[in-house]
Amino acid sequence: MRLNRPVLNGRTGAALAAGIGLGLLVAGLMIVIWWTLTQKDRPLRVVRDDPALETLLASAPAIRLNGGERPVTIISPRAAAALEQWLGADSAELAANGREVRAIIVPSGHGGTSEEATVAQLWQGRDAGLLRQWLSMRAEHWTAVGIQPVSASETRMAALAEAAGFRRSILQRLDRPADDNRWPLVIWRDGAGQLAVCHCHTPQAVAEARLALGLKGESPPVVPAAPVPVRAEPMMAQAEITGAYPRLGDMSAVEPSGSSPYGEVSETRSPAVPAPALPGDAAPVAPPPAKAASRPASRPARAARPPRTDVNTAAPKAEKDAESLFY
């Protein structure tokens, strides 16, 4: 029995060590799964690696839309659905709250030559007017008229390559794959001074970011202007009362008098002039024919005939030929 005790103790220790190792492995696996399912894909989270991310944001040529403190950086390709809202009404509200809005436009990789030329121009000139002009049109309708293509110079090609490299680097810093399309990225410092990042591609993510930034989205109601009363002209008023427009022949003529340089205006009715026929008028009625003029009195009247007295009023007698017709 004494010989078997060390063997039993060794087996117990090995089993205990194996159990502890298996528990740690399961716990680590659970932590990884929890992080992957909840924290990694969370639309709004806090980034711990502040210096590296700060250096990366400072290296990009951001377009400052307004002045202020506590900057809010918006990174996105032009084709992102929520970019117009963030750089429009939300940007104005952030500026009213004392925050500075910085926009960094990156290429999407599938926008074509128009998008590449505009991104290169923004990275070279940081032109806020060009950005607003681009935002005023739909992304698929933008043709970059007046902007040189990227292939025009090596400098523009280098600017586009820098923008594409920044896109890859920012996704890598945030532990996102290179083909991640959750745009725009909104980055700011919260109340504790830590960098908060929002992948604002869903309404839920946008709502969380707006709540954290104190955005209310309130705007003054649009008051419609009071309608201006329309003064009816005399001819139109007469048409509405009588149901017909005044005829041209019924209008009165104005004749000046010679008592003053301009003449005293007196209304006199002009002679009746037949008005032109208008569409829808009834056919004119012809006047009745005039009576024939009486004959001259010099012509003698015809003498009246005397009444006839030799008229036979007796019944006619039947002739023989007529009787043969019936008998």
C-alpha atoms as a PDB file:
ATOM      1  CA  MET A   1       0.000   0.000   0.000  1.00  0.00           C
ATOM      2  CA  ARG A   2       2.789   2.381   0.752  1.00  0.00           C
ATOM      3  CA  LEU A   3       4.243   1.764  -2.660  1.00  0.00           C
ATOM      4  CA  ASN A   4       1.025   2.896  -4.410  1.00  0.00           C
ATOM      5  CA  ARG A   5       0.554   6.258  -2.625  1.00  0.00           C
ATOM      6  CA  PRO A   6       3.082   8.212  -4.727  1.00  0.00           C
ATOM      7  CA  VAL A   7       1.458   6.844  -7.871  1.00  0.00           C
ATOM      8  CA  LEU A   8      -1.985   7.943  -6.745  1.00  0.00           C
ATOM      9  CA  ASN A   9      -0.735  11.388  -5.764  1.00  0.00           C
ATOM     10  CA  GLY A  10       0.940  11.864  -9.135  1.00  0.00           C
ATOM     11  CA  ARG A  11      -2.206  10.880 -11.020  1.00  0.00           C
ATOM     12  CA  THR A  12      -4.308  13.216  -8.920  1.00  0.00           C
ATOM     13  CA  GLY A  13      -1.971  16.130  -9.559  1.00  0.00           C
ATOM     14  CA  ALA A  14      -1.931  15.450 -13.301  1.00  0.00           C
ATOM     15  CA  ALA A  15      -5.704  15.266 -13.422  1.00  0.00           C
ATOM     16  CA  LEU A  16      -5.996  18.467 -11.415  1.00  0.00           C
ATOM     17  CA  ALA A  17      -3.548  20.259 -13.683  1.00  0.00           C
ATOM     18  CA  ALA A  18      -5.396  19.017 -16.746  1.00  0.00           C
ATOM     19  CA  GLY A  19      -8.678  20.216 -15.318  1.00  0.00           C
ATOM     20  CA  ILE A  20      -7.292  23.639 -14.550  1.00  0.00           C
ATOM     21  CA  GLY A  21      -5.798  23.931 -18.005  1.00  0.00           C
ATOM     22  CA  LEU A  22      -9.043  22.863 -19.647  1.00  0.00           C
ATOM     23  CA  GLY A  23     -10.965  25.390 -17.580  1.00  0.00           C
ATOM     24  CA  LEU A  24      -8.618  28.170 -18.545  1.00  0.00           C
ATOM     25  CA  LEU A  25      -8.895  27.158 -22.187  1.00  0.00           C
ATOM     26  CA  VAL A  26     -12.682  27.187 -22.047  1.00  0.00           C
ATOM     27  CA  ALA A  27     -12.686  30.519 -20.237  1.00  0.00           C
ATOM     28  CA  GLY A  28     -10.372  32.050 -22.810  1.00  0.00           C
ATOM     29  CA  LEU A  29     -12.483  30.685 -25.627  1.00  0.00           C
ATOM     30  CA  MET A  30     -15.598  32.151 -24.057  1.00  0.00           C
ATOM     31  CA  ILE A  31     -13.909  35.532 -23.702  1.00  0.00           C
ATOM     32  CA  VAL A  32     -12.905  35.480 -27.359  1.00  0.00           C
ATOM     33  CA  ILE A  33     -16.416  34.529 -28.429  1.00  0.00           C
ATOM     34  CA  TRP A  34     -17.923  37.239 -26.216  1.00  0.00           C
ATOM     35  CA  TRP A  35     -15.550  39.843 -27.608  1.00  0.00           C
ATOM     36  CA  THR A  36     -16.227  38.799 -31.191  1.00  0.00           C
ATOM     37  CA  LEU A  37     -19.992  38.756 -30.838  1.00  0.00           C
ATOM     38  CA  THR A  38     -20.473  41.829 -28.667  1.00  0.00           C
ATOM     39  CA  GLN A  39     -17.527  44.186 -28.387  1.00  0.00           C
ATOM     40  CA  LYS A  40     -15.741  43.811 -31.701  1.00  0.00           C
ATOM     41  CA  ASP A  41     -18.819  44.427 -33.820  1.00  0.00           C
ATOM     42  CA  ARG A  42     -20.300  46.967 -31.456  1.00  0.00           C
ATOM     43  CA  PRO A  43     -21.117  50.163 -33.379  1.00  0.00           C
ATOM     44  CA  LEU A  44     -19.957  52.426 -30.569  1.00  0.00           C
ATOM     45  CA  ARG A  45     -16.944  51.603 -28.447  1.00  0.00           C
ATOM     46  CA  VAL A  46     -13.926  53.167 -26.739  1.00  0.00           C
ATOM     47  CA  VAL A  47     -10.444  52.759 -28.219  1.00  0.00           C
ATOM     48  CA  ARG A  48      -7.620  52.148 -25.741  1.00  0.00           C
ATOM     49  CA  ASP A  49      -4.733  52.697 -28.153  1.00  0.00           C
ATOM     50  CA  ASP A  50      -4.997  56.480 -28.056  1.00  0.00           C
ATOM     51  CA  PRO A  51      -1.494  57.622 -29.154  1.00  0.00           C
ATOM     52  CA  ALA A  52      -1.330  55.519 -32.307  1.00  0.00           C
ATOM     53  CA  LEU A  53      -4.821  56.505 -33.402  1.00  0.00           C
ATOM     54  CA  GLU A  54      -4.198  60.165 -32.566  1.00  0.00           C
ATOM     55  CA  THR A  55      -1.032  60.170 -34.663  1.00  0.00           C
ATOM     56  CA  LEU A  56      -2.876  58.591 -37.579  1.00  0.00           C
ATOM     57  CA  LEU A  57      -5.692  61.123 -37.462  1.00  0.00           C
ATOM     58  CA  ALA A  58      -3.232  64.016 -37.254  1.00  0.00           C
ATOM     59  CA  SER A  59      -1.382  62.809 -40.371  1.00  0.00           C
ATOM     60  CA  ALA A  60      -4.453  63.017 -42.612  1.00  0.00           C
ATOM     61  CA  PRO A  61      -5.294  66.344 -44.337  1.00  0.00           C
ATOM     62  CA  ALA A  62      -8.694  66.874 -42.719  1.00  0.00           C
ATOM     63  CA  ILE A  63     -11.089  69.546 -44.009  1.00  0.00           C
ATOM     64  CA  ARG A  64     -12.189  71.788 -41.142  1.00  0.00           C
ATOM     65  CA  LEU A  65     -15.788  72.819 -41.725  1.00  0.00           C
ATOM     66  CA  ASN A  66     -15.942  75.197 -38.760  1.00  0.00           C
ATOM     67  CA  GLY A  67     -13.938  76.422 -35.824  1.00  0.00           C
ATOM     68  CA  GLY A  68     -14.278  75.197 -32.260  1.00  0.00           C
ATOM     69  CA  GLU A  69     -12.877  72.902 -29.614  1.00  0.00           C
ATOM     70  CA  ARG A  70     -13.209  69.162 -28.985  1.00  0.00           C
ATOM     71  CA  PRO A  71     -12.931  68.032 -32.614  1.00  0.00           C
ATOM     72  CA  VAL A  72     -15.246  65.447 -34.132  1.00  0.00           C
ATOM     73  CA  THR A  73     -13.635  63.625 -37.078  1.00  0.00           C
ATOM     74  CA  ILE A  74     -15.830  62.069 -39.781  1.00  0.00           C
ATOM     75  CA  ILE A  75     -14.082  59.581 -42.082  1.00  0.00           C
ATOM     76  CA  SER A  76     -15.977  58.116 -45.008  1.00  0.00           C
ATOM     77  CA  PRO A  77     -16.151  57.600 -48.750  1.00  0.00           C
ATOM     78  CA  ARG A  78     -18.571  59.871 -50.583  1.00  0.00           C
ATOM     79  CA  ALA A  79     -21.006  57.036 -51.359  1.00  0.00           C
ATOM     80  CA  ALA A  80     -21.878  56.402 -47.679  1.00  0.00           C
ATOM     81  CA  ALA A  81     -25.604  56.864 -47.073  1.00  0.00           C
ATOM     82  CA  ALA A  82     -25.350  58.810 -43.780  1.00  0.00           C
ATOM     83  CA  LEU A  83     -22.484  61.115 -44.795  1.00  0.00           C
ATOM     84  CA  GLU A  84     -24.753  63.890 -46.039  1.00  0.00           C
ATOM     85  CA  GLN A  85     -26.609  63.981 -42.723  1.00  0.00           C
ATOM     86  CA  TRP A  86     -23.406  64.083 -40.649  1.00  0.00           C
ATOM     87  CA  LEU A  87     -21.802  66.805 -42.769  1.00  0.00           C
ATOM     88  CA  GLY A  88     -25.064  68.752 -43.076  1.00  0.00           C
ATOM     89  CA  ALA A  89     -27.547  69.265 -40.239  1.00  0.00           C
ATOM     90  CA  ASP A  90     -25.503  67.344 -37.651  1.00  0.00           C
ATOM     91  CA  SER A  91     -22.390  69.344 -38.505  1.00  0.00           C
ATOM     92  CA  ALA A  92     -24.272  72.606 -37.957  1.00  0.00           C
ATOM     93  CA  GLU A  93     -25.569  71.398 -34.584  1.00  0.00           C
ATOM     94  CA  LEU A  94     -22.107  70.247 -33.527  1.00  0.00           C
ATOM     95  CA  ALA A  95     -20.729  73.677 -34.445  1.00  0.00           C
ATOM     96  CA  ALA A  96     -23.473  75.308 -32.364  1.00  0.00           C
ATOM     97  CA  ASN A  97     -22.363  73.135 -29.417  1.00  0.00           C
ATOM     98  CA  GLY A  98     -18.775  74.364 -29.722  1.00  0.00           C
ATOM     99  CA  ARG A  99     -17.321  71.316 -31.483  1.00  0.00           C
ATOM    100  CA  GLU A 100     -15.100  71.438 -34.553  1.00  0.00           C
ATOM    101  CA  VAL A 101     -16.105  69.152 -37.419  1.00  0.00           C
ATOM    102  CA  ARG A 102     -13.300  67.631 -39.487  1.00  0.00           C
ATOM    103  CA  ALA A 103     -14.025  65.665 -42.663  1.00  0.00           C
ATOM    104  CA  ILE A 104     -11.632  63.127 -44.188  1.00  0.00           C
ATOM    105  CA  ILE A 105     -12.839  61.678 -47.499  1.00  0.00           C
ATOM    106  CA  VAL A 106     -11.289  58.362 -48.514  1.00  0.00           C
ATOM    107  CA  PRO A 107     -11.723  56.429 -51.768  1.00  0.00           C
ATOM    108  CA  SER A 108     -14.220  53.596 -51.817  1.00  0.00           C
ATOM    109  CA  GLY A 109     -12.266  51.593 -54.407  1.00  0.00           C
ATOM    110  CA  HIS A 110     -15.194  51.278 -56.801  1.00  0.00           C
ATOM    111  CA  GLY A 111     -16.153  54.899 -57.471  1.00  0.00           C
ATOM    112  CA  GLY A 112     -14.393  55.279 -60.808  1.00  0.00           C
ATOM    113  CA  THR A 113     -12.156  58.006 -62.151  1.00  0.00           C
ATOM    114  CA  SER A 114     -14.465  60.831 -61.054  1.00  0.00           C
ATOM    115  CA  GLU A 115     -14.268  59.799 -57.402  1.00  0.00           C
ATOM    116  CA  GLU A 116     -10.507  59.242 -57.532  1.00  0.00           C
ATOM    117  CA  ALA A 117      -9.867  62.659 -59.104  1.00  0.00           C
ATOM    118  CA  THR A 118     -12.038  64.431 -56.517  1.00  0.00           C
ATOM    119  CA  VAL A 119     -10.463  62.602 -53.554  1.00  0.00           C
ATOM    120  CA  ALA A 120      -6.993  63.481 -54.796  1.00  0.00           C
ATOM    121  CA  GLN A 121      -8.033  67.123 -55.191  1.00  0.00           C
ATOM    122  CA  LEU A 122      -9.445  67.228 -51.643  1.00  0.00           C
ATOM    123  CA  TRP A 123      -6.307  65.690 -50.179  1.00  0.00           C
ATOM    124  CA  GLN A 124      -4.172  68.239 -52.006  1.00  0.00           C
ATOM    125  CA  GLY A 125      -6.213  71.401 -51.488  1.00  0.00           C
ATOM    126  CA  ARG A 126      -8.553  70.690 -48.532  1.00  0.00           C
ATOM    127  CA  ASP A 127     -11.230  72.645 -50.387  1.00  0.00           C
ATOM    128  CA  ALA A 128     -14.407  72.827 -48.303  1.00  0.00           C
ATOM    129  CA  GLY A 129     -16.306  74.416 -51.200  1.00  0.00           C
ATOM    130  CA  LEU A 130     -15.523  71.483 -53.461  1.00  0.00           C
ATOM    131  CA  LEU A 131     -16.685  69.080 -50.756  1.00  0.00           C
ATOM    132  CA  ARG A 132     -20.003  70.929 -50.371  1.00  0.00           C
ATOM    133  CA  GLN A 133     -20.449  70.945 -54.143  1.00  0.00           C
ATOM    134  CA  TRP A 134     -19.837  67.199 -54.220  1.00  0.00           C
ATOM    135  CA  LEU A 135     -22.311  66.635 -51.407  1.00  0.00           C
ATOM    136  CA  SER A 136     -24.970  68.669 -53.219  1.00  0.00           C
ATOM    137  CA  MET A 137     -25.192  65.978 -55.925  1.00  0.00           C
ATOM    138  CA  ARG A 138     -25.809  62.267 -55.822  1.00  0.00           C
ATOM    139  CA  ALA A 139     -22.616  60.238 -55.784  1.00  0.00           C
ATOM    140  CA  GLU A 140     -23.495  58.370 -58.977  1.00  0.00           C
ATOM    141  CA  HIS A 141     -24.245  61.635 -60.833  1.00  0.00           C
ATOM    142  CA  TRP A 142     -20.918  63.286 -60.024  1.00  0.00           C
ATOM    143  CA  THR A 143     -18.689  63.702 -63.096  1.00  0.00           C
ATOM    144  CA  ALA A 144     -15.849  65.856 -61.618  1.00  0.00           C
ATOM    145  CA  VAL A 145     -16.117  68.504 -64.325  1.00  0.00           C
ATOM    146  CA  GLY A 146     -13.067  70.799 -64.312  1.00  0.00           C
ATOM    147  CA  ILE A 147     -10.956  68.513 -62.083  1.00  0.00           C
ATOM    148  CA  GLN A 148      -7.810  66.993 -63.552  1.00  0.00           C
ATOM    149  CA  PRO A 149      -7.688  63.202 -63.583  1.00  0.00           C
ATOM    150  CA  VAL A 150      -5.339  61.354 -61.299  1.00  0.00           C
ATOM    151  CA  SER A 151      -3.147  60.298 -64.190  1.00  0.00           C
ATOM    152  CA  ALA A 152      -2.395  63.961 -65.019  1.00  0.00           C
ATOM    153  CA  SER A 153       0.571  64.124 -62.650  1.00  0.00           C
ATOM    154  CA  GLU A 154       2.544  61.990 -60.257  1.00  0.00           C
ATOM    155  CA  THR A 155       1.617  64.293 -57.395  1.00  0.00           C
ATOM    156  CA  ARG A 156      -2.056  63.518 -57.807  1.00  0.00           C
ATOM    157  CA  MET A 157      -1.336  59.804 -58.024  1.00  0.00           C
ATOM    158  CA  ALA A 158       0.640  60.034 -54.803  1.00  0.00           C
ATOM    159  CA  ALA A 159      -2.238  61.889 -53.088  1.00  0.00           C
ATOM    160  CA  LEU A 160      -4.704  59.163 -54.074  1.00  0.00           C
ATOM    161  CA  ALA A 161      -2.314  56.448 -52.866  1.00  0.00           C
ATOM    162  CA  GLU A 162      -1.956  58.257 -49.542  1.00  0.00           C
ATOM    163  CA  ALA A 163      -5.735  58.419 -49.137  1.00  0.00           C
ATOM    164  CA  ALA A 164      -6.093  54.704 -49.896  1.00  0.00           C
ATOM    165  CA  GLY A 165      -3.301  53.869 -47.428  1.00  0.00           C
ATOM    166  CA  PHE A 166      -4.980  55.932 -44.716  1.00  0.00           C
ATOM    167  CA  ARG A 167      -8.194  53.999 -45.286  1.00  0.00           C
ATOM    168  CA  ARG A 168      -6.426  50.681 -44.762  1.00  0.00           C
ATOM    169  CA  SER A 169      -4.520  51.921 -41.719  1.00  0.00           C
ATOM    170  CA  ILE A 170      -7.572  53.305 -39.919  1.00  0.00           C
ATOM    171  CA  LEU A 171      -9.448  50.034 -40.378  1.00  0.00           C
ATOM    172  CA  GLN A 172      -6.444  48.089 -39.135  1.00  0.00           C
ATOM    173  CA  ARG A 173      -6.184  50.265 -36.019  1.00  0.00           C
ATOM    174  CA  LEU A 174      -9.825  49.565 -35.276  1.00  0.00           C
ATOM    175  CA  ASP A 175      -9.420  45.797 -35.803  1.00  0.00           C
ATOM    176  CA  ARG A 176     -11.563  45.826 -38.906  1.00  0.00           C
ATOM    177  CA  PRO A 177     -10.963  43.961 -42.190  1.00  0.00           C
ATOM    178  CA  ALA A 178      -9.798  45.883 -45.217  1.00  0.00           C
ATOM    179  CA  ASP A 179     -13.114  45.364 -47.020  1.00  0.00           C
ATOM    180  CA  ASP A 180     -15.243  46.711 -44.162  1.00  0.00           C
ATOM    181  CA  ASN A 181     -17.992  48.931 -45.554  1.00  0.00           C
ATOM    182  CA  ARG A 182     -19.399  50.267 -42.298  1.00  0.00           C
ATOM    183  CA  TRP A 183     -19.099  53.970 -43.059  1.00  0.00           C
ATOM    184  CA  PRO A 184     -18.896  56.675 -41.929  1.00  0.00           C
ATOM    185  CA  LEU A 185     -16.548  56.492 -38.961  1.00  0.00           C
ATOM    186  CA  VAL A 186     -17.226  59.186 -36.352  1.00  0.00           C
ATOM    187  CA  ILE A 187     -14.406  59.670 -33.806  1.00  0.00           C
ATOM    188  CA  TRP A 188     -14.428  62.040 -30.844  1.00  0.00           C
ATOM    189  CA  ARG A 189     -13.336  62.251 -27.210  1.00  0.00           C
ATOM    190  CA  ASP A 190     -15.979  61.502 -24.610  1.00  0.00           C
ATOM    191  CA  GLY A 191     -16.429  63.071 -21.183  1.00  0.00           C
ATOM    192  CA  ALA A 192     -13.659  60.894 -19.701  1.00  0.00           C
ATOM    193  CA  GLY A 193     -11.174  62.034 -22.372  1.00  0.00           C
ATOM    194  CA  GLN A 194     -11.122  58.684 -24.179  1.00  0.00           C
ATOM    195  CA  LEU A 195     -11.504  58.239 -27.902  1.00  0.00           C
ATOM    196  CA  ALA A 196     -14.941  56.937 -28.888  1.00  0.00           C
ATOM    197  CA  VAL A 197     -15.498  55.443 -32.338  1.00  0.00           C
ATOM    198  CA  CYS A 198     -18.851  54.865 -34.012  1.00  0.00           C
ATOM    199  CA  HIS A 199     -19.397  52.770 -37.121  1.00  0.00           C
ATOM    200  CA  CYS A 200     -22.453  54.825 -38.007  1.00  0.00           C
ATOM    201  CA  HIS A 201     -23.912  52.699 -40.767  1.00  0.00           C
ATOM    202  CA  THR A 202     -27.194  51.657 -39.087  1.00  0.00           C
ATOM    203  CA  PRO A 203     -29.958  53.737 -37.478  1.00  0.00           C
ATOM    204  CA  GLN A 204     -29.161  52.163 -34.094  1.00  0.00           C
ATOM    205  CA  ALA A 205     -25.502  53.189 -34.317  1.00  0.00           C
ATOM    206  CA  VAL A 206     -26.419  56.700 -35.415  1.00  0.00           C
ATOM    207  CA  ALA A 207     -28.854  57.026 -32.502  1.00  0.00           C
ATOM    208  CA  GLU A 208     -26.172  55.953 -29.988  1.00  0.00           C
ATOM    209  CA  ALA A 209     -23.609  58.374 -31.423  1.00  0.00           C
ATOM    210  CA  ARG A 210     -26.071  61.263 -31.485  1.00  0.00           C
ATOM    211  CA  LEU A 211     -27.004  60.575 -27.872  1.00  0.00           C
ATOM    212  CA  ALA A 212     -23.346  60.468 -26.820  1.00  0.00           C
ATOM    213  CA  LEU A 213     -22.596  63.724 -28.659  1.00  0.00           C
ATOM    214  CA  GLY A 214     -25.659  65.482 -27.288  1.00  0.00           C
ATOM    215  CA  LEU A 215     -27.350  65.971 -30.660  1.00  0.00           C
ATOM    216  CA  LYS A 216     -31.075  66.550 -30.572  1.00  0.00           C
ATOM    217  CA  GLY A 217     -31.772  67.224 -34.211  1.00  0.00           C
ATOM    218  CA  GLU A 218     -34.164  70.039 -33.360  1.00  0.00           C
ATOM    219  CA  SER A 219     -34.711  72.729 -35.951  1.00  0.00           C
ATOM    220  CA  PRO A 220     -37.119  75.677 -35.975  1.00  0.00           C
ATOM    221  CA  PRO A 221     -40.402  74.885 -37.718  1.00  0.00           C
ATOM    222  CA  VAL A 222     -40.831  76.212 -41.201  1.00  0.00           C
ATOM    223  CA  VAL A 223     -43.582  78.851 -41.155  1.00  0.00           C
ATOM    224  CA  PRO A 224     -45.235  79.162 -44.569  1.00  0.00           C
ATOM    225  CA  ALA A 225     -45.564  82.678 -45.907  1.00  0.00           C
ATOM    226  CA  ALA A 226     -49.001  84.277 -45.832  1.00  0.00           C
ATOM    227  CA  PRO A 227     -50.734  84.193 -49.209  1.00  0.00           C
ATOM    228  CA  VAL A 228     -50.736  87.529 -51.033  1.00  0.00           C
ATOM    229  CA  PRO A 229     -54.290  88.633 -51.987  1.00  0.00           C
ATOM    230  CA  VAL A 230     -54.755  88.971 -55.711  1.00  0.00           C
ATOM    231  CA  ARG A 231     -56.553  92.106 -56.859  1.00  0.00           C
ATOM    232  CA  ALA A 232     -58.966  91.381 -59.658  1.00  0.00           C
ATOM    233  CA  GLU A 233     -58.843  93.608 -62.702  1.00  0.00           C
ATOM    234  CA  PRO A 234     -62.035  95.473 -63.744  1.00  0.00           C
ATOM    235  CA  MET A 235     -62.480  93.342 -66.841  1.00  0.00           C
ATOM    236  CA  MET A 236     -61.990  90.140 -64.852  1.00  0.00           C
ATOM    237  CA  ALA A 237     -64.433  91.304 -62.167  1.00  0.00           C
ATOM    238  CA  GLN A 238     -67.048  92.097 -64.806  1.00  0.00           C
ATOM    239  CA  ALA A 239     -66.503  88.705 -66.364  1.00  0.00           C
ATOM    240  CA  GLU A 240     -67.061  87.012 -63.021  1.00  0.00           C
ATOM    241  CA  ILE A 241     -70.314  88.935 -62.394  1.00  0.00           C
ATOM    242  CA  THR A 242     -71.920  88.693 -65.811  1.00  0.00           C
ATOM    243  CA  GLY A 243     -70.454  85.359 -66.759  1.00  0.00           C
ATOM    244  CA  ALA A 244     -69.059  86.694 -70.053  1.00  0.00           C
ATOM    245  CA  TYR A 245     -66.144  88.840 -71.091  1.00  0.00           C
ATOM    246  CA  PRO A 246     -66.896  92.428 -72.259  1.00  0.00           C
ATOM    247  CA  ARG A 247     -67.112  92.825 -75.965  1.00  0.00           C
ATOM    248  CA  LEU A 248     -64.780  95.144 -77.803  1.00  0.00           C
ATOM    249  CA  GLY A 249     -67.639  97.192 -79.222  1.00  0.00           C
ATOM    250  CA  ASP A 250     -69.020  97.940 -75.736  1.00  0.00           C
ATOM    251  CA  MET A 251     -65.936  99.697 -74.425  1.00  0.00           C
ATOM    252  CA  SER A 252     -66.187 103.456 -73.993  1.00  0.00           C
ATOM    253  CA  ALA A 253     -63.805 105.781 -75.772  1.00  0.00           C
ATOM    254  CA  VAL A 254     -61.922 108.495 -73.907  1.00  0.00           C
ATOM    255  CA  GLU A 255     -61.809 111.879 -75.579  1.00  0.00           C
ATOM    256  CA  PRO A 256     -59.556 114.637 -74.183  1.00  0.00           C
ATOM    257  CA  SER A 257     -60.798 118.195 -74.065  1.00  0.00           C
ATOM    258  CA  GLY A 258     -58.763 121.269 -74.882  1.00  0.00           C
ATOM    259  CA  SER A 259     -59.165 123.085 -71.578  1.00  0.00           C
ATOM    260  CA  SER A 260     -55.938 121.687 -70.102  1.00  0.00           C
ATOM    261  CA  PRO A 261     -52.611 120.569 -71.582  1.00  0.00           C
ATOM    262  CA  TYR A 262     -53.530 116.951 -71.079  1.00  0.00           C
ATOM    263  CA  GLY A 263     -57.223 117.451 -71.560  1.00  0.00           C
ATOM    264  CA  GLU A 264     -60.047 116.668 -69.222  1.00  0.00           C
ATOM    265  CA  VAL A 265     -61.052 113.107 -69.452  1.00  0.00           C
ATOM    266  CA  SER A 266     -64.693 112.582 -70.268  1.00  0.00           C
ATOM    267  CA  GLU A 267     -66.241 109.268 -71.030  1.00  0.00           C
ATOM    268  CA  THR A 268     -68.387 109.199 -74.145  1.00  0.00           C
ATOM    269  CA  ARG A 269     -69.811 106.110 -75.640  1.00  0.00           C
ATOM    270  CA  SER A 270     -68.622 105.467 -79.146  1.00  0.00           C
ATOM    271  CA  PRO A 271     -71.040 104.550 -81.892  1.00  0.00           C
ATOM    272  CA  ALA A 272     -72.172 101.012 -81.895  1.00  0.00           C
ATOM    273  CA  VAL A 273     -69.575  98.948 -83.680  1.00  0.00           C
ATOM    274  CA  PRO A 274     -70.223  95.313 -84.376  1.00  0.00           C
ATOM    275  CA  ALA A 275     -67.991  93.263 -82.125  1.00  0.00           C
ATOM    276  CA  PRO A 276     -65.907  90.460 -83.620  1.00  0.00           C
ATOM    277  CA  ALA A 277     -67.229  86.981 -83.138  1.00  0.00           C
ATOM    278  CA  LEU A 278     -65.647  85.077 -80.263  1.00  0.00           C
ATOM    279  CA  PRO A 279     -65.439  81.289 -79.816  1.00  0.00           C
ATOM    280  CA  GLY A 280     -68.661  80.005 -78.304  1.00  0.00           C
ATOM    281  CA  ASP A 281     -70.871  82.962 -79.331  1.00  0.00           C
ATOM    282  CA  ALA A 282     -74.315  82.211 -80.778  1.00  0.00           C
ATOM    283  CA  ALA A 283     -74.913  82.761 -84.472  1.00  0.00           C
ATOM    284  CA  PRO A 284     -76.090  86.305 -85.250  1.00  0.00           C
ATOM    285  CA  VAL A 285     -79.806  86.712 -85.921  1.00  0.00           C
ATOM    286  CA  ALA A 286     -80.624  88.294 -89.270  1.00  0.00           C
ATOM    287  CA  PRO A 287     -82.828  91.445 -89.052  1.00  0.00           C
ATOM    288  CA  PRO A 288     -86.441  91.104 -90.320  1.00  0.00           C
ATOM    289  CA  PRO A 289     -86.930  92.171 -93.956  1.00  0.00           C
ATOM    290  CA  ALA A 290     -88.182  95.701 -94.426  1.00  0.00           C
ATOM    291  CA  LYS A 291     -91.740  96.183 -95.677  1.00  0.00           C
ATOM    292  CA  ALA A 292     -92.167  96.958 -99.351  1.00  0.00           C
ATOM    293  CA  ALA A 293     -92.712 100.581-100.162  1.00  0.00           C
ATOM    294  CA  SER A 294     -96.222 101.582-101.207  1.00  0.00           C
ATOM    295  CA  ARG A 295     -96.925 101.976-104.942  1.00  0.00           C
ATOM    296  CA  PRO A 296     -97.108 105.470-106.392  1.00  0.00           C
ATOM    297  CA  ALA A 297    -100.570 107.054-106.183  1.00  0.00           C
ATOM    298  CA  SER A 298    -100.488 108.118-109.848  1.00  0.00           C
ATOM    299  CA  ARG A 299    -101.117 104.579-111.039  1.00  0.00           C
ATOM    300  CA  PRO A 300    -104.882 104.035-111.523  1.00  0.00           C
ATOM    301  CA  ALA A 301    -106.504 101.335-109.520  1.00  0.00           C
ATOM    302  CA  ARG A 302    -108.006  98.346-111.310  1.00  0.00           C
ATOM    303  CA  ALA A 303    -111.786  98.503-111.662  1.00  0.00           C
ATOM    304  CA  ALA A 304    -113.718  95.962-109.670  1.00  0.00           C
ATOM    305  CA  ARG A 305    -115.413  93.206-111.630  1.00  0.00           C
ATOM    306  CA  PRO A 306    -119.228  93.047-111.450  1.00  0.00           C
ATOM    307  CA  PRO A 307    -120.725  89.946-109.859  1.00  0.00           C
ATOM    308  CA  ARG A 308    -121.719  87.119-112.232  1.00  0.00           C
ATOM    309  CA  THR A 309    -125.499  86.452-112.505  1.00  0.00           C
ATOM    310  CA  ASP A 310    -125.615  83.664-115.133  1.00  0.00           C
ATOM    311  CA  VAL A 311    -124.210  80.970-112.943  1.00  0.00           C
ATOM    312  CA  ASN A 312    -126.134  77.670-113.244  1.00  0.00           C
ATOM    313  CA  THR A 313    -126.747  76.317-109.790  1.00  0.00           C
ATOM    314  CA  ALA A 314    -128.915  73.305-110.813  1.00  0.00           C
ATOM    315  CA  ALA A 315    -127.739  69.755-110.272  1.00  0.00           C
ATOM    316  CA  PRO A 316    -126.073  68.243-113.323  1.00  0.00           C
ATOM    317  CA  LYS A 317    -128.051  65.667-115.313  1.00  0.00           C
ATOM    318  CA  ALA A 318    -126.628  62.256-115.976  1.00  0.00           C
ATOM    319  CA  GLU A 319    -125.679  61.651-119.562  1.00  0.00           C
ATOM    320  CA  LYS A 320    -126.057  58.391-121.324  1.00  0.00           C
ATOM    321  CA  ASP A 321    -122.418  57.771-121.615  1.00  0.00           C
ATOM    322  CA  ALA A 322    -122.045  58.368-117.939  1.00  0.00           C
ATOM    323  CA  GLU A 323    -124.859  55.958-117.125  1.00  0.00           C
ATOM    324  CA  SER A 324    -123.220  53.229-119.170  1.00  0.00           C
ATOM    325  CA  LEU A 325    -120.298  53.339-116.879  1.00  0.00           C
ATOM    326  CA  PHE A 326    -122.378  52.229-113.909  1.00  0.00           C
ATOM    327  CA  TYR A 327    -124.963  49.928-115.538  1.00  0.00           C
END
